[in-house]
């Protein structure tokens, strides 16, 4: 069971990295530069939280 949670977290982290990077679809992200910056900051914060959870699971 824990292995499936681990793989799920890893997949979600990979997806978040793609969305934060330049590979995101235009419709998924805000159009104005200020909103885009805020969007990336929030997504980055959520990614850090998921990485911390993954670290706790692995340790």
PDB file of N, CA and C in Angstrom:
ATOM      1  N   UNK A   1       0.830  -1.202   0.000  1.00  0.00           N
ATOM      2  CA  UNK A   1       0.000   0.000   0.000  1.00  0.00           C
ATOM      3  C   UNK A   1       0.869   1.259   0.000  1.00  0.00           C
ATOM      4  N   UNK A   2       1.909   1.265   0.854  1.00  0.00           N
ATOM      5  CA  UNK A   2       2.772   2.444   0.927  1.00  0.00           C
ATOM      6  C   UNK A   2       3.506   2.681  -0.381  1.00  0.00           C
ATOM      7  N   UNK A   3       3.798   1.602  -1.093  1.00  0.00           N
ATOM      8  CA  UNK A   3       4.490   1.740  -2.376  1.00  0.00           C
ATOM      9  C   UNK A   3       3.621   2.482  -3.383  1.00  0.00           C
ATOM     10  N   UNK A   4       2.318   2.214  -3.388  1.00  0.00           N
ATOM     11  CA  UNK A   4       1.402   2.906  -4.300  1.00  0.00           C
ATOM     12  C   UNK A   4       1.308   4.381  -3.946  1.00  0.00           C
ATOM     13  N   UNK A   5       1.314   4.691  -2.657  1.00  0.00           N
ATOM     14  CA  UNK A   5       1.295   6.095  -2.227  1.00  0.00           C
ATOM     15  C   UNK A   5       2.572   6.789  -2.685  1.00  0.00           C
ATOM     16  N   UNK A   6       3.697   6.094  -2.550  1.00  0.00           N
ATOM     17  CA  UNK A   6       4.982   6.640  -2.977  1.00  0.00           C
ATOM     18  C   UNK A   6       4.990   6.937  -4.472  1.00  0.00           C
ATOM     19  N   UNK A   7       4.522   5.978  -5.284  1.00  0.00           N
ATOM     20  CA  UNK A   7       4.477   6.198  -6.728  1.00  0.00           C
ATOM     21  C   UNK A   7       3.508   7.315  -7.091  1.00  0.00           C
ATOM     22  N   UNK A   8       2.396   7.406  -6.375  1.00  0.00           N
ATOM     23  CA  UNK A   8       1.430   8.475  -6.626  1.00  0.00           C
ATOM     24  C   UNK A   8       2.026   9.845  -6.334  1.00  0.00           C
ATOM     25  N   UNK A   9       2.737   9.951  -5.223  1.00  0.00           N
ATOM     26  CA  UNK A   9       3.393  11.214  -4.879  1.00  0.00           C
ATOM     27  C   UNK A   9       4.458  11.581  -5.904  1.00  0.00           C
ATOM     28  N   UNK A  10       5.234  10.593  -6.338  1.00  0.00           N
ATOM     29  CA  UNK A  10       6.281  10.867  -7.320  1.00  0.00           C
ATOM     30  C   UNK A  10       5.678  11.334  -8.642  1.00  0.00           C
ATOM     31  N   UNK A  11       4.587  10.710  -9.062  1.00  0.00           N
ATOM     32  CA  UNK A  11       3.920  11.130 -10.291  1.00  0.00           C
ATOM     33  C   UNK A  11       3.349  12.524 -10.177  1.00  0.00           C
ATOM     34  N   UNK A  12       2.775  12.822  -9.035  1.00  0.00           N
ATOM     35  CA  UNK A  12       2.201  14.154  -8.840  1.00  0.00           C
ATOM     36  C   UNK A  12       3.290  15.216  -8.792  1.00  0.00           C
ATOM     37  N   UNK A  13       4.414  14.906  -8.179  1.00  0.00           N
ATOM     38  CA  UNK A  13       5.536  15.850  -8.137  1.00  0.00           C
ATOM     39  C   UNK A  13       6.060  16.101  -9.544  1.00  0.00           C
ATOM     40  N   UNK A  14       6.198  15.051 -10.337  1.00  0.00           N
ATOM     41  CA  UNK A  14       6.647  15.224 -11.723  1.00  0.00           C
ATOM     42  C   UNK A  14       5.678  16.112 -12.497  1.00  0.00           C
ATOM     43  N   UNK A  15       4.387  15.872 -12.318  1.00  0.00           N
ATOM     44  CA  UNK A  15       3.382  16.684 -12.996  1.00  0.00           C
ATOM     45  C   UNK A  15       3.491  18.147 -12.580  1.00  0.00           C
ATOM     46  N   UNK A  16       3.703  18.401 -11.301  1.00  0.00           N
ATOM     47  CA  UNK A  16       3.833  19.778 -10.829  1.00  0.00           C
ATOM     48  C   UNK A  16       5.069  20.445 -11.426  1.00  0.00           C
ATOM     49  N   UNK A  17       6.161  19.700 -11.549  1.00  0.00           N
ATOM     50  CA  UNK A  17       7.364  20.261 -12.160  1.00  0.00           C
ATOM     51  C   UNK A  17       7.110  20.652 -13.606  1.00  0.00           C
ATOM     52  N   UNK A  18       6.354  19.839 -14.316  1.00  0.00           N
ATOM     53  CA  UNK A  18       6.026  20.149 -15.706  1.00  0.00           C
ATOM     54  C   UNK A  18       5.144  21.394 -15.764  1.00  0.00           C
ATOM     55  N   UNK A  19       4.170  21.504 -14.860  1.00  0.00           N
ATOM     56  CA  UNK A  19       3.264  22.655 -14.870  1.00  0.00           C
ATOM     57  C   UNK A  19       3.985  23.947 -14.497  1.00  0.00           C
ATOM     58  N   UNK A  20       4.952  23.865 -13.591  1.00  0.00           N
ATOM     59  CA  UNK A  20       5.685  25.066 -13.197  1.00  0.00           C
ATOM     60  C   UNK A  20       6.610  25.513 -14.318  1.00  0.00           C
ATOM     61  N   UNK A  21       7.182  24.544 -15.019  1.00  0.00           N
ATOM     62  CA  UNK A  21       8.114  24.852 -16.097  1.00  0.00           C
ATOM     63  C   UNK A  21       7.412  25.387 -17.332  1.00  0.00           C
ATOM     64  N   UNK A  22       8.153  25.486 -18.382  1.00  0.00           N
ATOM     65  CA  UNK A  22       7.629  26.041 -19.628  1.00  0.00           C
ATOM     66  C   UNK A  22       6.722  25.071 -20.374  1.00  0.00           C
ATOM     67  N   UNK A  23       6.621  23.833 -19.895  1.00  0.00           N
ATOM     68  CA  UNK A  23       5.836  22.834 -20.597  1.00  0.00           C
ATOM     69  C   UNK A  23       4.341  22.897 -20.328  1.00  0.00           C
ATOM     70  N   UNK A  24       3.890  23.857 -19.535  1.00  0.00           N
ATOM     71  CA  UNK A  24       2.471  23.944 -19.194  1.00  0.00           C
ATOM     72  C   UNK A  24       1.657  24.463 -20.375  1.00  0.00           C
ATOM     73  N   UNK A  25       0.454  24.010 -20.441  1.00  0.00           N
ATOM     74  CA  UNK A  25      -0.461  24.480 -21.482  1.00  0.00           C
ATOM     75  C   UNK A  25      -0.894  25.904 -21.166  1.00  0.00           C
ATOM     76  N   UNK A  26      -1.121  26.693 -22.187  1.00  0.00           N
ATOM     77  CA  UNK A  26      -1.477  28.101 -22.004  1.00  0.00           C
ATOM     78  C   UNK A  26      -2.800  28.229 -21.251  1.00  0.00           C
ATOM     79  N   UNK A  27      -3.754  27.364 -21.521  1.00  0.00           N
ATOM     80  CA  UNK A  27      -5.057  27.452 -20.868  1.00  0.00           C
ATOM     81  C   UNK A  27      -5.032  27.111 -19.394  1.00  0.00           C
ATOM     82  N   UNK A  28      -3.972  26.434 -18.948  1.00  0.00           N
ATOM     83  CA  UNK A  28      -3.876  26.026 -17.549  1.00  0.00           C
ATOM     84  C   UNK A  28      -3.338  27.132 -16.647  1.00  0.00           C
ATOM     85  N   UNK A  29      -2.793  28.163 -17.234  1.00  0.00           N
ATOM     86  CA  UNK A  29      -2.112  29.180 -16.445  1.00  0.00           C
ATOM     87  C   UNK A  29      -2.734  30.554 -16.679  1.00  0.00           C
ATOM     88  N   UNK A  30      -2.611  31.447 -15.683  1.00  0.00           N
ATOM     89  CA  UNK A  30      -3.134  32.806 -15.847  1.00  0.00           C
ATOM     90  C   UNK A  30      -2.420  33.548 -16.970  1.00  0.00           C
ATOM     91  N   UNK A  31      -3.100  34.542 -17.528  1.00  0.00           N
ATOM     92  CA  UNK A  31      -2.551  35.241 -18.690  1.00  0.00           C
ATOM     93  C   UNK A  31      -1.657  36.417 -18.330  1.00  0.00           C
ATOM     94  N   UNK A  32      -1.959  37.142 -17.266  1.00  0.00           N
ATOM     95  CA  UNK A  32      -1.149  38.317 -16.942  1.00  0.00           C
ATOM     96  C   UNK A  32       0.141  37.898 -16.237  1.00  0.00           C
ATOM     97  N   UNK A  33       1.221  38.642 -16.428  1.00  0.00           N
ATOM     98  CA  UNK A  33       2.510  38.283 -15.819  1.00  0.00           C
ATOM     99  C   UNK A  33       2.467  38.250 -14.286  1.00  0.00           C
ATOM    100  N   UNK A  34       1.701  39.167 -13.672  1.00  0.00           N
ATOM    101  CA  UNK A  34       1.625  39.193 -12.212  1.00  0.00           C
ATOM    102  C   UNK A  34       0.909  37.954 -11.686  1.00  0.00           C
ATOM    103  N   UNK A  35      -0.192  37.586 -12.329  1.00  0.00           N
ATOM    104  CA  UNK A  35      -0.933  36.409 -11.899  1.00  0.00           C
ATOM    105  C   UNK A  35      -0.135  35.139 -12.172  1.00  0.00           C
ATOM    106  N   UNK A  36       0.615  35.121 -13.256  1.00  0.00           N
ATOM    107  CA  UNK A  36       1.445  33.972 -13.589  1.00  0.00           C
ATOM    108  C   UNK A  36       2.534  33.774 -12.534  1.00  0.00           C
ATOM    109  N   UNK A  37       3.134  34.866 -12.086  1.00  0.00           N
ATOM    110  CA  UNK A  37       4.170  34.792 -11.064  1.00  0.00           C
ATOM    111  C   UNK A  37       3.586  34.255  -9.758  1.00  0.00           C
ATOM    112  N   UNK A  38       2.410  34.736  -9.380  1.00  0.00           N
ATOM    113  CA  UNK A  38       1.749  34.261  -8.161  1.00  0.00           C
ATOM    114  C   UNK A  38       1.370  32.784  -8.290  1.00  0.00           C
ATOM    115  N   UNK A  39       0.887  32.396  -9.470  1.00  0.00           N
ATOM    116  CA  UNK A  39       0.507  31.005  -9.746  1.00  0.00           C
ATOM    117  C   UNK A  39       1.710  30.087  -9.564  1.00  0.00           C
ATOM    118  N   UNK A  40       2.849  30.473 -10.127  1.00  0.00           N
ATOM    119  CA  UNK A  40       4.055  29.656 -10.021  1.00  0.00           C
ATOM    120  C   UNK A  40       4.553  29.590  -8.579  1.00  0.00           C
ATOM    121  N   UNK A  41       4.395  30.690  -7.834  1.00  0.00           N
ATOM    122  CA  UNK A  41       4.827  30.696  -6.447  1.00  0.00           C
ATOM    123  C   UNK A  41       3.982  29.730  -5.613  1.00  0.00           C
ATOM    124  N   UNK A  42       2.679  29.738  -5.824  1.00  0.00           N
ATOM    125  CA  UNK A  42       1.784  28.826  -5.097  1.00  0.00           C
ATOM    126  C   UNK A  42       2.072  27.384  -5.477  1.00  0.00           C
ATOM    127  N   UNK A  43       2.219  27.125  -6.781  1.00  0.00           N
ATOM    128  CA  UNK A  43       2.516  25.762  -7.233  1.00  0.00           C
ATOM    129  C   UNK A  43       3.860  25.292  -6.677  1.00  0.00           C
ATOM    130  N   UNK A  44       4.839  26.184  -6.614  1.00  0.00           N
ATOM    131  CA  UNK A  44       6.135  25.837  -6.047  1.00  0.00           C
ATOM    132  C   UNK A  44       6.040  25.494  -4.574  1.00  0.00           C
ATOM    133  N   UNK A  45       5.235  26.257  -3.830  1.00  0.00           N
ATOM    134  CA  UNK A  45       5.030  25.992  -2.405  1.00  0.00           C
ATOM    135  C   UNK A  45       4.378  24.622  -2.211  1.00  0.00           C
ATOM    136  N   UNK A  46       3.366  24.314  -3.017  1.00  0.00           N
ATOM    137  CA  UNK A  46       2.696  23.019  -2.917  1.00  0.00           C
ATOM    138  C   UNK A  46       3.656  21.886  -3.284  1.00  0.00           C
ATOM    139  N   UNK A  47       4.512  22.131  -4.243  1.00  0.00           N
ATOM    140  CA  UNK A  47       5.500  21.127  -4.640  1.00  0.00           C
ATOM    141  C   UNK A  47       6.469  20.852  -3.493  1.00  0.00           C
ATOM    142  N   UNK A  48       6.911  21.891  -2.811  1.00  0.00           N
ATOM    143  CA  UNK A  48       7.822  21.717  -1.678  1.00  0.00           C
ATOM    144  C   UNK A  48       7.160  20.895  -0.584  1.00  0.00           C
ATOM    145  N   UNK A  49       5.880  21.152  -0.323  1.00  0.00           N
ATOM    146  CA  UNK A  49       5.162  20.369   0.678  1.00  0.00           C
ATOM    147  C   UNK A  49       5.108  18.893   0.282  1.00  0.00           C
ATOM    148  N   UNK A  50       4.840  18.623  -0.983  1.00  0.00           N
ATOM    149  CA  UNK A  50       4.772  17.230  -1.444  1.00  0.00           C
ATOM    150  C   UNK A  50       6.143  16.558  -1.370  1.00  0.00           C
ATOM    151  N   UNK A  51       7.194  17.298  -1.663  1.00  0.00           N
ATOM    152  CA  UNK A  51       8.544  16.739  -1.553  1.00  0.00           C
ATOM    153  C   UNK A  51       8.882  16.416  -0.100  1.00  0.00           C
ATOM    154  N   UNK A  52       8.426  17.250   0.836  1.00  0.00           N
ATOM    155  CA  UNK A  52       8.661  16.975   2.248  1.00  0.00           C
ATOM    156  C   UNK A  52       7.921  15.717   2.694  1.00  0.00           C
ATOM    157  N   UNK A  53       6.698  15.533   2.200  1.00  0.00           N
ATOM    158  CA  UNK A  53       5.941  14.320   2.518  1.00  0.00           C
ATOM    159  C   UNK A  53       6.662  13.106   1.955  1.00  0.00           C
ATOM    160  N   UNK A  54       7.138  13.212   0.726  1.00  0.00           N
ATOM    161  CA  UNK A  54       7.864  12.113   0.095  1.00  0.00           C
ATOM    162  C   UNK A  54       9.131  11.786   0.880  1.00  0.00           C
ATOM    163  N   UNK A  55       9.814  12.803   1.350  1.00  0.00           N
ATOM    164  CA  UNK A  55      11.025  12.587   2.141  1.00  0.00           C
ATOM    165  C   UNK A  55      10.698  11.849   3.434  1.00  0.00           C
ATOM    166  N   UNK A  56       9.594  12.225   4.092  1.00  0.00           N
ATOM    167  CA  UNK A  56       9.199  11.552   5.325  1.00  0.00           C
ATOM    168  C   UNK A  56       8.845  10.091   5.066  1.00  0.00           C
ATOM    169  N   UNK A  57       8.180   9.834   3.935  1.00  0.00           N
ATOM    170  CA  UNK A  57       7.813   8.456   3.598  1.00  0.00           C
ATOM    171  C   UNK A  57       9.063   7.619   3.344  1.00  0.00           C
ATOM    172  N   UNK A  58      10.036   8.196   2.658  1.00  0.00           N
ATOM    173  CA  UNK A  58      11.250   7.451   2.324  1.00  0.00           C
ATOM    174  C   UNK A  58      12.146   7.214   3.534  1.00  0.00           C
ATOM    175  N   UNK A  59      12.095   8.129   4.501  1.00  0.00           N
ATOM    176  CA  UNK A  59      12.938   7.958   5.689  1.00  0.00           C
ATOM    177  C   UNK A  59      12.186   7.085   6.650  1.00  0.00           C
TER     178      UNK A  59
END
